[in-house]
Amino acid sequence: VDSLLTPKGASRLRRALVKGRGLVPLDTEASRMVIDGRPAPPLEANVRVVNFGERKYAIVACRDVTAQAEARREVEKAKAELERRVQERTQELTAANVLLQEAVREHKDAEQRFRAARDLAEEASRAKTEFLSVVSHELRTPLTAVRGFAQIIVKQLGRNVAPLVQKNQAAVRSLDQILDNLDIIILESHRL
């Protein structure tokens, strides 16, 4: 696997194997991995180490995260465009400010308009700050509850259900899938 992945992706995979679980981006875009004669799409590995008898087995399930990678690129592209537009707008505002200052020197009533515009911008900034604070709080509160309940379910399954299904392979696989899904919920709610 090390020969196919980038050093960073291989290192992440080894750490997850040592840890016994993890959700690992594999950096396949910069690797030598080939699937069906084409370079591998961006992959994310879900690693789980399980004990079976006296042996340990690593279960590594990979999924194509092309959509997420494209979404990240789109966000970066939108961010760059927004920064460019902000810079253009800032330059425009800077030029307008110079003209406004000249007009202030010439006319007293232009000074009053400038002050009113400044007050309006400060009010908009306060409104934006308040809005972001409310949105952040409204997202954080339910996500904290989702993560907390998922963690409780993981503990309860491990404590109460895992001992009951040890001899039933289908039930063990089902329980492992449920635990993996809960791990994803916990990880993604923490990330959000």
N, C-alpha and C. Protein backbone atom coordinates (compact mmCIF):
# COMPACT_ATOMS: atom_id res chain seq x y z
N VAL A 1 0.85 -1.19 0.00
CA VAL A 1 0.00 0.00 0.00
C VAL A 1 0.88 1.24 0.00
N ASP A 2 2.01 1.20 0.74
CA ASP A 2 2.88 2.37 0.80
C ASP A 2 3.38 2.78 -0.58
N SER A 3 3.60 1.80 -1.46
CA SER A 3 4.12 2.13 -2.79
C SER A 3 3.05 2.81 -3.65
N LEU A 4 1.78 2.67 -3.30
CA LEU A 4 0.70 3.27 -4.09
C LEU A 4 0.31 4.65 -3.59
N LEU A 5 0.44 4.87 -2.27
CA LEU A 5 -0.03 6.12 -1.68
C LEU A 5 1.10 7.12 -1.56
N THR A 6 0.71 8.38 -1.36
CA THR A 6 1.72 9.38 -1.04
C THR A 6 2.24 9.07 0.36
N PRO A 7 3.43 9.56 0.73
CA PRO A 7 3.94 9.31 2.08
C PRO A 7 2.96 9.79 3.16
N LYS A 8 2.34 10.91 2.93
CA LYS A 8 1.39 11.45 3.91
C LYS A 8 0.18 10.53 4.06
N GLY A 9 -0.39 10.07 2.93
CA GLY A 9 -1.54 9.18 2.97
C GLY A 9 -1.19 7.85 3.62
N ALA A 10 -0.02 7.29 3.30
CA ALA A 10 0.41 6.03 3.90
C ALA A 10 0.60 6.19 5.40
N SER A 11 1.18 7.30 5.82
CA SER A 11 1.39 7.56 7.24
C SER A 11 0.06 7.65 7.98
N ARG A 12 -0.91 8.34 7.38
CA ARG A 12 -2.23 8.44 8.01
C ARG A 12 -2.87 7.07 8.15
N LEU A 13 -2.73 6.23 7.11
CA LEU A 13 -3.32 4.90 7.14
C LEU A 13 -2.67 4.06 8.23
N ARG A 14 -1.34 4.12 8.35
CA ARG A 14 -0.65 3.36 9.41
C ARG A 14 -1.09 3.83 10.79
N ARG A 15 -1.23 5.14 10.99
CA ARG A 15 -1.67 5.64 12.30
C ARG A 15 -3.06 5.12 12.64
N ALA A 16 -3.95 5.08 11.65
CA ALA A 16 -5.31 4.58 11.90
C ALA A 16 -5.27 3.08 12.23
N LEU A 17 -4.40 2.34 11.57
CA LEU A 17 -4.29 0.90 11.88
C LEU A 17 -3.76 0.68 13.29
N VAL A 18 -2.77 1.46 13.70
CA VAL A 18 -2.24 1.34 15.05
C VAL A 18 -3.30 1.74 16.07
N LYS A 19 -4.01 2.80 15.78
CA LYS A 19 -5.06 3.28 16.68
C LYS A 19 -6.24 2.30 16.73
N GLY A 20 -6.47 1.57 15.65
CA GLY A 20 -7.54 0.60 15.62
C GLY A 20 -8.78 1.08 14.89
N ARG A 21 -8.80 2.33 14.50
CA ARG A 21 -9.95 2.87 13.76
C ARG A 21 -9.59 4.26 13.27
N GLY A 22 -10.37 4.73 12.31
CA GLY A 22 -10.18 6.08 11.83
C GLY A 22 -10.73 6.28 10.44
N LEU A 23 -10.97 7.54 10.12
CA LEU A 23 -11.43 7.94 8.80
C LEU A 23 -10.28 8.73 8.19
N VAL A 24 -9.68 8.20 7.12
CA VAL A 24 -8.39 8.70 6.64
C VAL A 24 -8.47 9.13 5.18
N PRO A 25 -8.14 10.42 4.87
CA PRO A 25 -7.97 10.80 3.46
C PRO A 25 -6.66 10.20 2.95
N LEU A 26 -6.68 9.58 1.76
CA LEU A 26 -5.52 8.85 1.28
C LEU A 26 -4.64 9.63 0.31
N ASP A 27 -4.97 10.85 -0.05
CA ASP A 27 -4.16 11.66 -0.98
C ASP A 27 -3.89 10.94 -2.29
N THR A 28 -4.89 10.28 -2.84
CA THR A 28 -4.68 9.51 -4.07
C THR A 28 -4.49 10.39 -5.29
N GLU A 29 -4.90 11.66 -5.22
CA GLU A 29 -4.74 12.53 -6.39
C GLU A 29 -3.27 12.70 -6.75
N ALA A 30 -2.37 12.64 -5.76
CA ALA A 30 -0.94 12.82 -6.01
C ALA A 30 -0.19 11.48 -5.95
N SER A 31 -0.90 10.37 -5.91
CA SER A 31 -0.25 9.06 -5.76
C SER A 31 -0.08 8.38 -7.11
N ARG A 32 0.43 7.16 -7.03
CA ARG A 32 0.61 6.35 -8.24
C ARG A 32 -0.49 5.30 -8.36
N MET A 33 -1.52 5.40 -7.54
CA MET A 33 -2.59 4.40 -7.55
C MET A 33 -3.38 4.49 -8.84
N VAL A 34 -3.63 3.31 -9.45
CA VAL A 34 -4.38 3.25 -10.71
C VAL A 34 -5.52 2.25 -10.51
N ILE A 35 -6.72 2.65 -10.92
CA ILE A 35 -7.89 1.78 -10.85
C ILE A 35 -8.48 1.71 -12.25
N ASP A 36 -8.60 0.51 -12.79
CA ASP A 36 -9.12 0.30 -14.15
C ASP A 36 -8.35 1.12 -15.18
N GLY A 37 -7.04 1.21 -15.02
CA GLY A 37 -6.20 1.90 -15.99
C GLY A 37 -6.21 3.41 -15.89
N ARG A 38 -6.93 3.95 -14.93
CA ARG A 38 -6.99 5.40 -14.76
C ARG A 38 -6.46 5.77 -13.38
N PRO A 39 -5.95 7.01 -13.24
CA PRO A 39 -5.52 7.43 -11.90
C PRO A 39 -6.71 7.35 -10.93
N ALA A 40 -6.41 6.94 -9.72
CA ALA A 40 -7.47 6.77 -8.72
C ALA A 40 -8.12 8.11 -8.40
N PRO A 41 -9.44 8.08 -8.15
CA PRO A 41 -10.11 9.30 -7.70
C PRO A 41 -9.69 9.57 -6.26
N PRO A 42 -10.02 10.73 -5.73
CA PRO A 42 -9.73 10.96 -4.32
C PRO A 42 -10.48 9.93 -3.48
N LEU A 43 -9.74 9.28 -2.58
CA LEU A 43 -10.34 8.24 -1.75
C LEU A 43 -10.21 8.59 -0.28
N GLU A 44 -11.15 8.08 0.49
CA GLU A 44 -11.12 8.20 1.94
C GLU A 44 -11.30 6.80 2.48
N ALA A 45 -10.42 6.38 3.38
CA ALA A 45 -10.47 5.03 3.93
C ALA A 45 -11.08 5.06 5.32
N ASN A 46 -12.00 4.15 5.55
CA ASN A 46 -12.56 3.95 6.89
C ASN A 46 -11.90 2.70 7.43
N VAL A 47 -11.07 2.87 8.47
CA VAL A 47 -10.25 1.79 8.99
C VAL A 47 -10.86 1.28 10.30
N ARG A 48 -10.89 -0.03 10.42
CA ARG A 48 -11.39 -0.64 11.67
C ARG A 48 -10.57 -1.91 11.89
N VAL A 49 -9.98 -2.05 13.07
CA VAL A 49 -9.24 -3.26 13.43
C VAL A 49 -10.12 -4.04 14.40
N VAL A 50 -10.36 -5.31 14.08
CA VAL A 50 -11.23 -6.13 14.92
C VAL A 50 -10.46 -7.38 15.37
N ASN A 51 -10.80 -7.86 16.54
CA ASN A 51 -10.23 -9.10 17.06
C ASN A 51 -11.16 -10.24 16.69
N PHE A 52 -10.59 -11.30 16.19
CA PHE A 52 -11.36 -12.48 15.88
C PHE A 52 -10.54 -13.67 16.37
N GLY A 53 -11.00 -14.24 17.45
CA GLY A 53 -10.21 -15.29 18.09
C GLY A 53 -8.95 -14.64 18.65
N GLU A 54 -7.83 -15.24 18.33
CA GLU A 54 -6.56 -14.69 18.81
C GLU A 54 -5.89 -13.81 17.76
N ARG A 55 -6.56 -13.54 16.67
CA ARG A 55 -5.96 -12.75 15.59
C ARG A 55 -6.68 -11.41 15.46
N LYS A 56 -5.93 -10.49 14.93
CA LYS A 56 -6.51 -9.17 14.62
C LYS A 56 -6.61 -9.05 13.11
N TYR A 57 -7.71 -8.46 12.66
CA TYR A 57 -7.91 -8.23 11.24
C TYR A 57 -8.19 -6.76 11.02
N ALA A 58 -7.63 -6.23 9.96
CA ALA A 58 -7.90 -4.84 9.60
C ALA A 58 -8.93 -4.84 8.48
N ILE A 59 -9.98 -4.06 8.68
CA ILE A 59 -11.00 -3.88 7.66
C ILE A 59 -10.84 -2.44 7.16
N VAL A 60 -10.53 -2.30 5.89
CA VAL A 60 -10.32 -0.98 5.31
C VAL A 60 -11.30 -0.82 4.15
N ALA A 61 -12.24 0.08 4.32
CA ALA A 61 -13.22 0.34 3.27
C ALA A 61 -12.94 1.72 2.70
N CYS A 62 -12.75 1.78 1.39
CA CYS A 62 -12.46 3.06 0.75
C CYS A 62 -13.70 3.57 0.03
N ARG A 63 -13.85 4.88 0.02
CA ARG A 63 -14.96 5.46 -0.75
C ARG A 63 -14.44 6.64 -1.56
N ASP A 64 -15.03 6.81 -2.69
CA ASP A 64 -14.69 7.90 -3.61
C ASP A 64 -15.23 9.20 -3.04
N VAL A 65 -14.33 10.16 -2.81
CA VAL A 65 -14.75 11.46 -2.27
C VAL A 65 -14.55 12.55 -3.31
N THR A 66 -14.72 12.17 -4.59
CA THR A 66 -14.57 13.14 -5.67
C THR A 66 -15.50 14.32 -5.48
N ALA A 67 -16.75 14.03 -5.11
CA ALA A 67 -17.72 15.12 -4.94
C ALA A 67 -17.28 16.08 -3.85
N GLN A 68 -16.78 15.55 -2.74
CA GLN A 68 -16.33 16.41 -1.66
C GLN A 68 -15.11 17.22 -2.10
N ALA A 69 -14.18 16.57 -2.82
CA ALA A 69 -13.00 17.28 -3.30
C ALA A 69 -13.39 18.38 -4.27
N GLU A 70 -14.34 18.07 -5.17
CA GLU A 70 -14.81 19.09 -6.10
C GLU A 70 -15.51 20.22 -5.36
N ALA A 71 -16.27 19.87 -4.34
CA ALA A 71 -16.96 20.90 -3.54
C ALA A 71 -15.94 21.80 -2.86
N ARG A 72 -14.86 21.19 -2.31
CA ARG A 72 -13.80 22.00 -1.69
C ARG A 72 -13.16 22.93 -2.71
N ARG A 73 -12.91 22.38 -3.92
CA ARG A 73 -12.31 23.23 -4.96
C ARG A 73 -13.27 24.37 -5.34
N GLU A 74 -14.55 24.07 -5.43
CA GLU A 74 -15.54 25.10 -5.74
C GLU A 74 -15.57 26.18 -4.66
N VAL A 75 -15.49 25.74 -3.40
CA VAL A 75 -15.48 26.70 -2.29
C VAL A 75 -14.24 27.59 -2.38
N GLU A 76 -13.08 26.96 -2.66
CA GLU A 76 -11.85 27.74 -2.79
C GLU A 76 -11.95 28.72 -3.97
N LYS A 77 -12.54 28.24 -5.07
CA LYS A 77 -12.70 29.10 -6.24
C LYS A 77 -13.64 30.27 -5.91
N ALA A 78 -14.74 29.96 -5.22
CA ALA A 78 -15.68 31.02 -4.83
C ALA A 78 -15.02 31.99 -3.86
N LYS A 79 -14.22 31.45 -2.96
CA LYS A 79 -13.51 32.31 -1.99
C LYS A 79 -12.54 33.25 -2.71
N ALA A 80 -11.80 32.71 -3.68
CA ALA A 80 -10.86 33.54 -4.44
C ALA A 80 -11.61 34.62 -5.21
N GLU A 81 -12.74 34.23 -5.82
CA GLU A 81 -13.54 35.21 -6.55
C GLU A 81 -14.08 36.28 -5.62
N LEU A 82 -14.54 35.87 -4.46
CA LEU A 82 -15.05 36.83 -3.48
C LEU A 82 -13.96 37.76 -3.02
N GLU A 83 -12.78 37.21 -2.76
CA GLU A 83 -11.65 38.06 -2.35
C GLU A 83 -11.29 39.06 -3.45
N ARG A 84 -11.32 38.57 -4.70
CA ARG A 84 -11.02 39.47 -5.82
C ARG A 84 -12.05 40.60 -5.88
N ARG A 85 -13.34 40.21 -5.73
CA ARG A 85 -14.39 41.22 -5.78
C ARG A 85 -14.29 42.19 -4.61
N VAL A 86 -13.94 41.67 -3.45
CA VAL A 86 -13.77 42.55 -2.27
C VAL A 86 -12.62 43.51 -2.52
N GLN A 87 -11.53 43.00 -3.09
CA GLN A 87 -10.38 43.88 -3.38
C GLN A 87 -10.77 44.95 -4.39
N GLU A 88 -11.49 44.55 -5.44
CA GLU A 88 -11.94 45.54 -6.43
C GLU A 88 -12.84 46.58 -5.76
N ARG A 89 -13.77 46.07 -4.97
CA ARG A 89 -14.72 46.97 -4.30
C ARG A 89 -13.99 47.88 -3.32
N THR A 90 -12.98 47.32 -2.64
CA THR A 90 -12.19 48.14 -1.72
C THR A 90 -11.46 49.24 -2.46
N GLN A 91 -10.92 48.90 -3.62
CA GLN A 91 -10.24 49.92 -4.42
C GLN A 91 -11.23 50.99 -4.87
N GLU A 92 -12.41 50.54 -5.29
CA GLU A 92 -13.44 51.49 -5.70
C GLU A 92 -13.84 52.39 -4.53
N LEU A 93 -14.01 51.78 -3.36
CA LEU A 93 -14.39 52.57 -2.19
C LEU A 93 -13.28 53.53 -1.76
N THR A 94 -12.04 53.06 -1.91
CA THR A 94 -10.92 53.94 -1.57
C THR A 94 -10.91 55.17 -2.49
N ALA A 95 -11.11 54.93 -3.78
CA ALA A 95 -11.15 56.04 -4.73
C ALA A 95 -12.32 56.97 -4.43
N ALA A 96 -13.48 56.37 -4.12
CA ALA A 96 -14.65 57.18 -3.79
C ALA A 96 -14.42 58.00 -2.53
N ASN A 97 -13.69 57.41 -1.58
CA ASN A 97 -13.41 58.12 -0.33
C ASN A 97 -12.55 59.35 -0.58
N VAL A 98 -11.58 59.23 -1.48
CA VAL A 98 -10.73 60.38 -1.81
C VAL A 98 -11.58 61.50 -2.40
N LEU A 99 -12.47 61.10 -3.32
CA LEU A 99 -13.35 62.10 -3.93
C LEU A 99 -14.27 62.71 -2.88
N LEU A 100 -14.74 61.88 -1.97
CA LEU A 100 -15.64 62.37 -0.93
C LEU A 100 -14.92 63.36 -0.02
N GLN A 101 -13.68 63.07 0.31
CA GLN A 101 -12.93 63.98 1.17
C GLN A 101 -12.73 65.34 0.48
N GLU A 102 -12.49 65.30 -0.81
CA GLU A 102 -12.36 66.56 -1.55
C GLU A 102 -13.68 67.33 -1.54
N ALA A 103 -14.77 66.58 -1.71
CA ALA A 103 -16.08 67.23 -1.71
C ALA A 103 -16.42 67.78 -0.34
N VAL A 104 -15.94 67.11 0.73
CA VAL A 104 -16.19 67.58 2.10
C VAL A 104 -15.55 68.95 2.29
N ARG A 105 -14.33 69.06 1.76
CA ARG A 105 -13.64 70.35 1.88
C ARG A 105 -14.42 71.45 1.16
N GLU A 106 -15.07 71.10 0.08
CA GLU A 106 -15.79 72.10 -0.72
C GLU A 106 -17.19 72.39 -0.18
N HIS A 107 -17.86 71.37 0.37
CA HIS A 107 -19.25 71.54 0.78
C HIS A 107 -19.48 70.92 2.15
N LYS A 108 -20.07 71.66 3.03
CA LYS A 108 -20.38 71.18 4.37
C LYS A 108 -21.44 70.08 4.35
N ASP A 109 -22.42 70.18 3.50
CA ASP A 109 -23.48 69.16 3.49
C ASP A 109 -22.97 67.81 3.01
N ALA A 110 -21.89 67.77 2.20
CA ALA A 110 -21.30 66.50 1.79
C ALA A 110 -20.70 65.79 3.01
N GLU A 111 -20.19 66.55 3.95
CA GLU A 111 -19.65 65.99 5.19
C GLU A 111 -20.74 65.25 5.97
N GLN A 112 -21.94 65.81 6.00
CA GLN A 112 -23.04 65.15 6.71
C GLN A 112 -23.42 63.83 6.02
N ARG A 113 -23.43 63.80 4.69
CA ARG A 113 -23.74 62.55 3.97
C ARG A 113 -22.68 61.48 4.25
N PHE A 114 -21.44 61.90 4.29
CA PHE A 114 -20.35 60.96 4.58
C PHE A 114 -20.54 60.32 5.96
N ARG A 115 -20.85 61.11 6.95
CA ARG A 115 -21.05 60.58 8.31
C ARG A 115 -22.24 59.61 8.35
N ALA A 116 -23.30 59.96 7.63
CA ALA A 116 -24.47 59.07 7.60
C ALA A 116 -24.11 57.73 6.95
N ALA A 117 -23.34 57.77 5.87
CA ALA A 117 -22.92 56.53 5.19
C ALA A 117 -22.04 55.68 6.12
N ARG A 118 -21.16 56.32 6.86
CA ARG A 118 -20.30 55.60 7.80
C ARG A 118 -21.14 54.93 8.90
N ASP A 119 -22.10 55.63 9.43
CA ASP A 119 -22.97 55.06 10.46
C ASP A 119 -23.73 53.84 9.92
N LEU A 120 -24.19 53.97 8.67
CA LEU A 120 -24.92 52.86 8.05
C LEU A 120 -24.01 51.64 7.89
N ALA A 121 -22.76 51.85 7.48
CA ALA A 121 -21.82 50.74 7.32
C ALA A 121 -21.52 50.08 8.67
N GLU A 122 -21.38 50.86 9.70
CA GLU A 122 -21.13 50.30 11.04
C GLU A 122 -22.35 49.50 11.51
N GLU A 123 -23.52 50.00 11.24
CA GLU A 123 -24.74 49.28 11.62
C GLU A 123 -24.82 47.95 10.85
N ALA A 124 -24.47 47.99 9.57
CA ALA A 124 -24.47 46.76 8.76
C ALA A 124 -23.44 45.76 9.33
N SER A 125 -22.29 46.25 9.74
CA SER A 125 -21.27 45.38 10.32
C SER A 125 -21.77 44.76 11.62
N ARG A 126 -22.42 45.54 12.45
CA ARG A 126 -22.99 45.01 13.70
C ARG A 126 -24.07 43.96 13.39
N ALA A 127 -24.91 44.26 12.41
CA ALA A 127 -25.96 43.31 12.04
C ALA A 127 -25.35 42.01 11.52
N LYS A 128 -24.30 42.12 10.72
CA LYS A 128 -23.62 40.93 10.19
C LYS A 128 -23.02 40.11 11.34
N THR A 129 -22.36 40.77 12.27
CA THR A 129 -21.76 40.08 13.41
C THR A 129 -22.82 39.38 14.24
N GLU A 130 -23.92 40.04 14.50
CA GLU A 130 -25.00 39.44 15.27
C GLU A 130 -25.59 38.24 14.52
N PHE A 131 -25.79 38.39 13.22
CA PHE A 131 -26.33 37.30 12.41
C PHE A 131 -25.41 36.08 12.47
N LEU A 132 -24.12 36.28 12.27
CA LEU A 132 -23.17 35.16 12.30
C LEU A 132 -23.16 34.50 13.68
N SER A 133 -23.27 35.29 14.72
CA SER A 133 -23.29 34.74 16.08
C SER A 133 -24.52 33.87 16.29
N VAL A 134 -25.68 34.34 15.84
CA VAL A 134 -26.92 33.58 15.99
C VAL A 134 -26.85 32.29 15.18
N VAL A 135 -26.40 32.37 13.94
CA VAL A 135 -26.32 31.18 13.08
C VAL A 135 -25.35 30.16 13.69
N SER A 136 -24.20 30.63 14.17
CA SER A 136 -23.22 29.74 14.79
C SER A 136 -23.83 29.03 16.00
N HIS A 137 -24.52 29.78 16.84
CA HIS A 137 -25.13 29.19 18.03
C HIS A 137 -26.21 28.18 17.65
N GLU A 138 -27.03 28.53 16.67
CA GLU A 138 -28.13 27.67 16.28
C GLU A 138 -27.64 26.35 15.67
N LEU A 139 -26.46 26.37 15.04
CA LEU A 139 -25.90 25.13 14.50
C LEU A 139 -25.18 24.33 15.58
N ARG A 140 -24.44 25.01 16.43
CA ARG A 140 -23.63 24.32 17.43
C ARG A 140 -24.50 23.55 18.42
N THR A 141 -25.58 24.14 18.86
CA THR A 141 -26.41 23.49 19.89
C THR A 141 -26.95 22.13 19.43
N PRO A 142 -27.63 22.03 18.28
CA PRO A 142 -28.13 20.69 17.89
C PRO A 142 -27.00 19.73 17.51
N LEU A 143 -25.92 20.24 16.94
CA LEU A 143 -24.82 19.34 16.58
C LEU A 143 -24.16 18.75 17.83
N THR A 144 -24.07 19.53 18.89
CA THR A 144 -23.53 19.02 20.14
C THR A 144 -24.42 17.91 20.68
N ALA A 145 -25.73 18.09 20.60
CA ALA A 145 -26.65 17.06 21.06
C ALA A 145 -26.52 15.79 20.20
N VAL A 146 -26.44 15.96 18.90
CA VAL A 146 -26.29 14.80 17.99
C VAL A 146 -25.02 14.02 18.34
N ARG A 147 -23.92 14.74 18.50
CA ARG A 147 -22.65 14.09 18.81
C ARG A 147 -22.73 13.39 20.17
N GLY A 148 -23.28 14.07 21.17
CA GLY A 148 -23.38 13.49 22.50
C GLY A 148 -24.20 12.21 22.53
N PHE A 149 -25.37 12.24 21.88
CA PHE A 149 -26.21 11.05 21.86
C PHE A 149 -25.54 9.92 21.06
N ALA A 150 -24.84 10.25 19.99
CA ALA A 150 -24.14 9.21 19.22
C ALA A 150 -23.06 8.56 20.09
N GLN A 151 -22.36 9.35 20.88
CA GLN A 151 -21.33 8.80 21.77
C GLN A 151 -21.96 7.90 22.83
N ILE A 152 -23.10 8.30 23.35
CA ILE A 152 -23.79 7.47 24.35
C ILE A 152 -24.21 6.14 23.72
N ILE A 153 -24.74 6.20 22.49
CA ILE A 153 -25.17 4.97 21.81
C ILE A 153 -23.98 4.04 21.58
N VAL A 154 -22.83 4.60 21.19
CA VAL A 154 -21.62 3.77 20.98
C VAL A 154 -21.25 3.06 22.28
N LYS A 155 -21.26 3.79 23.40
CA LYS A 155 -20.91 3.17 24.69
C LYS A 155 -21.91 2.09 25.07
N GLN A 156 -23.19 2.37 24.88
CA GLN A 156 -24.22 1.39 25.24
C GLN A 156 -24.11 0.13 24.38
N LEU A 157 -23.89 0.30 23.08
CA LEU A 157 -23.73 -0.86 22.20
C LEU A 157 -22.52 -1.69 22.62
N GLY A 158 -21.41 -1.01 22.91
CA GLY A 158 -20.21 -1.72 23.32
C GLY A 158 -20.40 -2.45 24.63
N ARG A 159 -21.11 -1.86 25.55
CA ARG A 159 -21.30 -2.42 26.88
C ARG A 159 -22.39 -3.50 26.90
N ASN A 160 -23.50 -3.23 26.22
CA ASN A 160 -24.67 -4.10 26.37
C ASN A 160 -24.89 -5.07 25.20
N VAL A 161 -24.58 -4.64 23.98
CA VAL A 161 -24.93 -5.46 22.81
C VAL A 161 -23.74 -6.31 22.34
N ALA A 162 -22.55 -5.74 22.34
CA ALA A 162 -21.38 -6.46 21.83
C ALA A 162 -21.18 -7.82 22.49
N PRO A 163 -21.28 -7.94 23.82
CA PRO A 163 -21.09 -9.26 24.44
C PRO A 163 -22.15 -10.27 23.99
N LEU A 164 -23.33 -9.82 23.63
CA LEU A 164 -24.41 -10.73 23.26
C LEU A 164 -24.27 -11.30 21.86
N VAL A 165 -23.56 -10.58 20.98
CA VAL A 165 -23.50 -11.00 19.58
C VAL A 165 -22.15 -11.58 19.18
N GLN A 166 -21.26 -11.85 20.12
CA GLN A 166 -19.90 -12.31 19.82
C GLN A 166 -19.86 -13.57 18.95
N LYS A 167 -20.82 -14.49 19.11
CA LYS A 167 -20.77 -15.76 18.40
C LYS A 167 -21.52 -15.71 17.07
N ASN A 168 -22.23 -14.67 16.79
CA ASN A 168 -23.02 -14.55 15.57
C ASN A 168 -22.29 -13.59 14.62
N GLN A 169 -21.63 -14.15 13.60
CA GLN A 169 -20.81 -13.34 12.69
C GLN A 169 -21.63 -12.26 11.98
N ALA A 170 -22.81 -12.59 11.57
CA ALA A 170 -23.65 -11.61 10.88
C ALA A 170 -23.99 -10.47 11.82
N ALA A 171 -24.28 -10.80 13.06
CA ALA A 171 -24.60 -9.76 14.04
C ALA A 171 -23.38 -8.92 14.35
N VAL A 172 -22.20 -9.54 14.43
CA VAL A 172 -20.96 -8.80 14.68
C VAL A 172 -20.71 -7.82 13.54
N ARG A 173 -20.88 -8.29 12.29
CA ARG A 173 -20.68 -7.39 11.15
C ARG A 173 -21.69 -6.25 11.18
N SER A 174 -22.92 -6.58 11.49
CA SER A 174 -23.95 -5.54 11.56
C SER A 174 -23.62 -4.54 12.66
N LEU A 175 -23.20 -5.05 13.82
CA LEU A 175 -22.83 -4.15 14.93
C LEU A 175 -21.64 -3.29 14.54
N ASP A 176 -20.65 -3.88 13.88
CA ASP A 176 -19.49 -3.10 13.43
C ASP A 176 -19.91 -2.00 12.47
N GLN A 177 -20.84 -2.32 11.55
CA GLN A 177 -21.32 -1.31 10.60
C GLN A 177 -22.04 -0.18 11.34
N ILE A 178 -22.85 -0.56 12.32
CA ILE A 178 -23.56 0.46 13.11
C ILE A 178 -22.56 1.34 13.84
N LEU A 179 -21.54 0.72 14.45
CA LEU A 179 -20.52 1.50 15.17
C LEU A 179 -19.75 2.41 14.21
N ASP A 180 -19.46 1.90 13.02
CA ASP A 180 -18.77 2.72 12.01
C ASP A 180 -19.63 3.92 11.63
N ASN A 181 -20.91 3.68 11.42
CA ASN A 181 -21.82 4.78 11.07
C ASN A 181 -21.91 5.79 12.19
N LEU A 182 -21.95 5.32 13.42
CA LEU A 182 -21.99 6.24 14.57
C LEU A 182 -20.69 7.04 14.65
N ASP A 183 -19.56 6.37 14.37
CA ASP A 183 -18.28 7.09 14.36
C ASP A 183 -18.30 8.21 13.33
N ILE A 184 -18.90 7.93 12.18
CA ILE A 184 -19.00 8.97 11.14
C ILE A 184 -19.86 10.12 11.63
N ILE A 185 -20.97 9.80 12.27
CA ILE A 185 -21.86 10.87 12.81
C ILE A 185 -21.08 11.71 13.81
N ILE A 186 -20.35 11.07 14.70
CA ILE A 186 -19.59 11.81 15.73
C ILE A 186 -18.53 12.67 15.06
N LEU A 187 -17.78 12.10 14.14
CA LEU A 187 -16.70 12.83 13.47
C LEU A 187 -17.25 14.02 12.68
N GLU A 188 -18.30 13.78 11.89
CA GLU A 188 -18.83 14.85 11.05
C GLU A 188 -19.53 15.94 11.88
N SER A 189 -20.21 15.55 12.96
CA SER A 189 -20.84 16.58 13.80
C SER A 189 -19.78 17.40 14.50
N HIS A 190 -18.67 16.77 14.90
CA HIS A 190 -17.56 17.51 15.51
C HIS A 190 -16.94 18.47 14.48
N ARG A 191 -16.75 17.98 13.26
CA ARG A 191 -16.17 18.83 12.21
C ARG A 191 -17.07 20.03 11.94
N LEU A 192 -18.40 19.79 11.86
CA LEU A 192 -19.31 20.89 11.60
C LEU A 192 -19.36 21.85 12.78
